[in-house]
């Protein structure tokens, strides 16, 4: 299954990874947990819907140790997973998607 990243997701991942590398006791935790989340998404891309958008249902996967969520779209026709954002789960609300 193909995985692609939106520009927003790439920015979020770079920002979070840099923060974990610079300040965490376990600098590779974010990177390792992101890879585990992606593998989980590949295994089950039809998880619960987080929010409906014009492009389709956005779903999310939790990264429990870092407290982040991976937000993604699954395009069944092309078997493509598009990562649209990665955001901290400790926020009161998730990212705003184009509705």
C-alpha atoms as a PDB file:
ATOM      1  CA  UNK A   1       0.000   0.000   0.000  1.00  0.00           C
ATOM      2  CA  UNK A   2       1.373   3.379  -0.999  1.00  0.00           C
ATOM      3  CA  UNK A   3       1.796   6.092   1.662  1.00  0.00           C
ATOM      4  CA  UNK A   4       2.064   9.760   0.689  1.00  0.00           C
ATOM      5  CA  UNK A   5       2.408  12.864   2.853  1.00  0.00           C
ATOM      6  CA  UNK A   6       0.758  16.248   2.468  1.00  0.00           C
ATOM      7  CA  UNK A   7       2.941  19.340   2.857  1.00  0.00           C
ATOM      8  CA  UNK A   8       1.190  20.030   6.165  1.00  0.00           C
ATOM      9  CA  UNK A   9       2.001  16.529   7.414  1.00  0.00           C
ATOM     10  CA  UNK A  10       5.645  16.871   6.394  1.00  0.00           C
ATOM     11  CA  UNK A  11       5.902  20.140   8.347  1.00  0.00           C
ATOM     12  CA  UNK A  12       4.223  18.635  11.413  1.00  0.00           C
ATOM     13  CA  UNK A  13       6.435  15.553  11.352  1.00  0.00           C
ATOM     14  CA  UNK A  14       9.614  17.614  10.962  1.00  0.00           C
ATOM     15  CA  UNK A  15       8.602  19.933  13.830  1.00  0.00           C
ATOM     16  CA  UNK A  16       7.635  17.127  16.226  1.00  0.00           C
ATOM     17  CA  UNK A  17      10.663  15.011  15.360  1.00  0.00           C
ATOM     18  CA  UNK A  18      13.011  17.958  15.915  1.00  0.00           C
ATOM     19  CA  UNK A  19      11.434  18.660  19.293  1.00  0.00           C
ATOM     20  CA  UNK A  20      11.737  15.042  20.391  1.00  0.00           C
ATOM     21  CA  UNK A  21      15.332  14.824  19.172  1.00  0.00           C
ATOM     22  CA  UNK A  22      16.310  18.021  20.981  1.00  0.00           C
ATOM     23  CA  UNK A  23      14.488  17.730  24.298  1.00  0.00           C
ATOM     24  CA  UNK A  24      13.365  14.180  25.005  1.00  0.00           C
ATOM     25  CA  UNK A  25      15.054  11.524  27.097  1.00  0.00           C
ATOM     26  CA  UNK A  26      14.315   9.148  24.215  1.00  0.00           C
ATOM     27  CA  UNK A  27      15.059  11.185  21.069  1.00  0.00           C
ATOM     28  CA  UNK A  28      14.057   8.427  18.627  1.00  0.00           C
ATOM     29  CA  UNK A  29      10.703   7.710  20.286  1.00  0.00           C
ATOM     30  CA  UNK A  30       8.665   9.936  17.945  1.00  0.00           C
ATOM     31  CA  UNK A  31      10.280   8.457  14.834  1.00  0.00           C
ATOM     32  CA  UNK A  32       9.865   4.871  16.061  1.00  0.00           C
ATOM     33  CA  UNK A  33       6.279   5.400  17.122  1.00  0.00           C
ATOM     34  CA  UNK A  34       5.389   7.096  13.834  1.00  0.00           C
ATOM     35  CA  UNK A  35       6.707   4.070  11.936  1.00  0.00           C
ATOM     36  CA  UNK A  36       4.668   1.740  14.161  1.00  0.00           C
ATOM     37  CA  UNK A  37       1.547   3.870  13.590  1.00  0.00           C
ATOM     38  CA  UNK A  38       2.082   3.769   9.826  1.00  0.00           C
ATOM     39  CA  UNK A  39       2.388  -0.009   9.915  1.00  0.00           C
ATOM     40  CA  UNK A  40      -0.829  -0.209  11.924  1.00  0.00           C
ATOM     41  CA  UNK A  41      -2.577   2.061   9.403  1.00  0.00           C
ATOM     42  CA  UNK A  42      -1.329  -0.109   6.514  1.00  0.00           C
ATOM     43  CA  UNK A  43      -2.798  -3.166   8.242  1.00  0.00           C
ATOM     44  CA  UNK A  44      -6.161  -1.487   8.885  1.00  0.00           C
ATOM     45  CA  UNK A  45      -6.734   1.702   6.861  1.00  0.00           C
ATOM     46  CA  UNK A  46     -10.481   1.611   7.583  1.00  0.00           C
ATOM     47  CA  UNK A  47     -10.368   2.700  11.217  1.00  0.00           C
ATOM     48  CA  UNK A  48     -13.051   4.897  12.785  1.00  0.00           C
ATOM     49  CA  UNK A  49     -13.834   8.166  11.031  1.00  0.00           C
ATOM     50  CA  UNK A  50     -12.566  11.239  12.872  1.00  0.00           C
ATOM     51  CA  UNK A  51     -14.099  13.876  10.575  1.00  0.00           C
ATOM     52  CA  UNK A  52     -15.849  14.005   7.201  1.00  0.00           C
ATOM     53  CA  UNK A  53     -14.308  16.346   4.613  1.00  0.00           C
ATOM     54  CA  UNK A  54     -14.862  17.113   0.936  1.00  0.00           C
ATOM     55  CA  UNK A  55     -12.043  14.702   0.108  1.00  0.00           C
ATOM     56  CA  UNK A  56     -13.518  11.907   2.189  1.00  0.00           C
ATOM     57  CA  UNK A  57     -13.362  10.620   5.733  1.00  0.00           C
ATOM     58  CA  UNK A  58     -10.299  11.586   7.760  1.00  0.00           C
ATOM     59  CA  UNK A  59      -9.268   8.873  10.175  1.00  0.00           C
ATOM     60  CA  UNK A  60      -6.668   8.954  12.913  1.00  0.00           C
ATOM     61  CA  UNK A  61      -4.279   6.616  14.665  1.00  0.00           C
ATOM     62  CA  UNK A  62      -2.929   7.250  18.144  1.00  0.00           C
ATOM     63  CA  UNK A  63       0.766   7.291  18.959  1.00  0.00           C
ATOM     64  CA  UNK A  64       0.265   6.553  22.678  1.00  0.00           C
ATOM     65  CA  UNK A  65       3.745   7.171  24.055  1.00  0.00           C
ATOM     66  CA  UNK A  66       4.213  10.581  22.409  1.00  0.00           C
ATOM     67  CA  UNK A  67       0.557  11.583  22.684  1.00  0.00           C
ATOM     68  CA  UNK A  68       0.255  12.394  18.972  1.00  0.00           C
ATOM     69  CA  UNK A  69      -2.312  11.344  16.397  1.00  0.00           C
ATOM     70  CA  UNK A  70      -1.655  10.569  12.736  1.00  0.00           C
ATOM     71  CA  UNK A  71      -4.542  11.898  10.617  1.00  0.00           C
ATOM     72  CA  UNK A  72      -5.013  10.240   7.238  1.00  0.00           C
ATOM     73  CA  UNK A  73      -7.227   9.627   4.240  1.00  0.00           C
ATOM     74  CA  UNK A  74      -7.511   6.215   2.615  1.00  0.00           C
ATOM     75  CA  UNK A  75      -8.211   6.201  -1.125  1.00  0.00           C
ATOM     76  CA  UNK A  76      -9.546   2.723  -1.795  1.00  0.00           C
ATOM     77  CA  UNK A  77      -9.419   2.996  -5.595  1.00  0.00           C
ATOM     78  CA  UNK A  78      -5.674   3.617  -5.672  1.00  0.00           C
ATOM     79  CA  UNK A  79      -4.880   1.819  -2.396  1.00  0.00           C
ATOM     80  CA  UNK A  80      -3.170   5.006  -1.196  1.00  0.00           C
ATOM     81  CA  UNK A  81      -2.914   6.303   2.348  1.00  0.00           C
ATOM     82  CA  UNK A  82      -2.424  10.066   2.509  1.00  0.00           C
ATOM     83  CA  UNK A  83      -1.063  11.344   5.804  1.00  0.00           C
ATOM     84  CA  UNK A  84      -2.639  14.789   6.143  1.00  0.00           C
ATOM     85  CA  UNK A  85      -1.422  15.840   9.593  1.00  0.00           C
ATOM     86  CA  UNK A  86       0.268  14.749  12.796  1.00  0.00           C
ATOM     87  CA  UNK A  87      -0.795  16.605  15.909  1.00  0.00           C
ATOM     88  CA  UNK A  88      -0.454  16.275  19.645  1.00  0.00           C
ATOM     89  CA  UNK A  89      -3.305  14.501  21.347  1.00  0.00           C
ATOM     90  CA  UNK A  90      -3.022  16.758  24.379  1.00  0.00           C
ATOM     91  CA  UNK A  91      -4.568  19.648  22.485  1.00  0.00           C
ATOM     92  CA  UNK A  92      -8.215  20.337  23.220  1.00  0.00           C
ATOM     93  CA  UNK A  93      -9.071  19.774  19.554  1.00  0.00           C
ATOM     94  CA  UNK A  94      -7.419  18.324  16.482  1.00  0.00           C
ATOM     95  CA  UNK A  95      -6.286  20.133  13.355  1.00  0.00           C
ATOM     96  CA  UNK A  96      -8.777  21.896  11.097  1.00  0.00           C
ATOM     97  CA  UNK A  97      -9.381  20.118   7.817  1.00  0.00           C
ATOM     98  CA  UNK A  98     -10.794  21.494   4.589  1.00  0.00           C
ATOM     99  CA  UNK A  99     -14.467  20.674   4.875  1.00  0.00           C
END
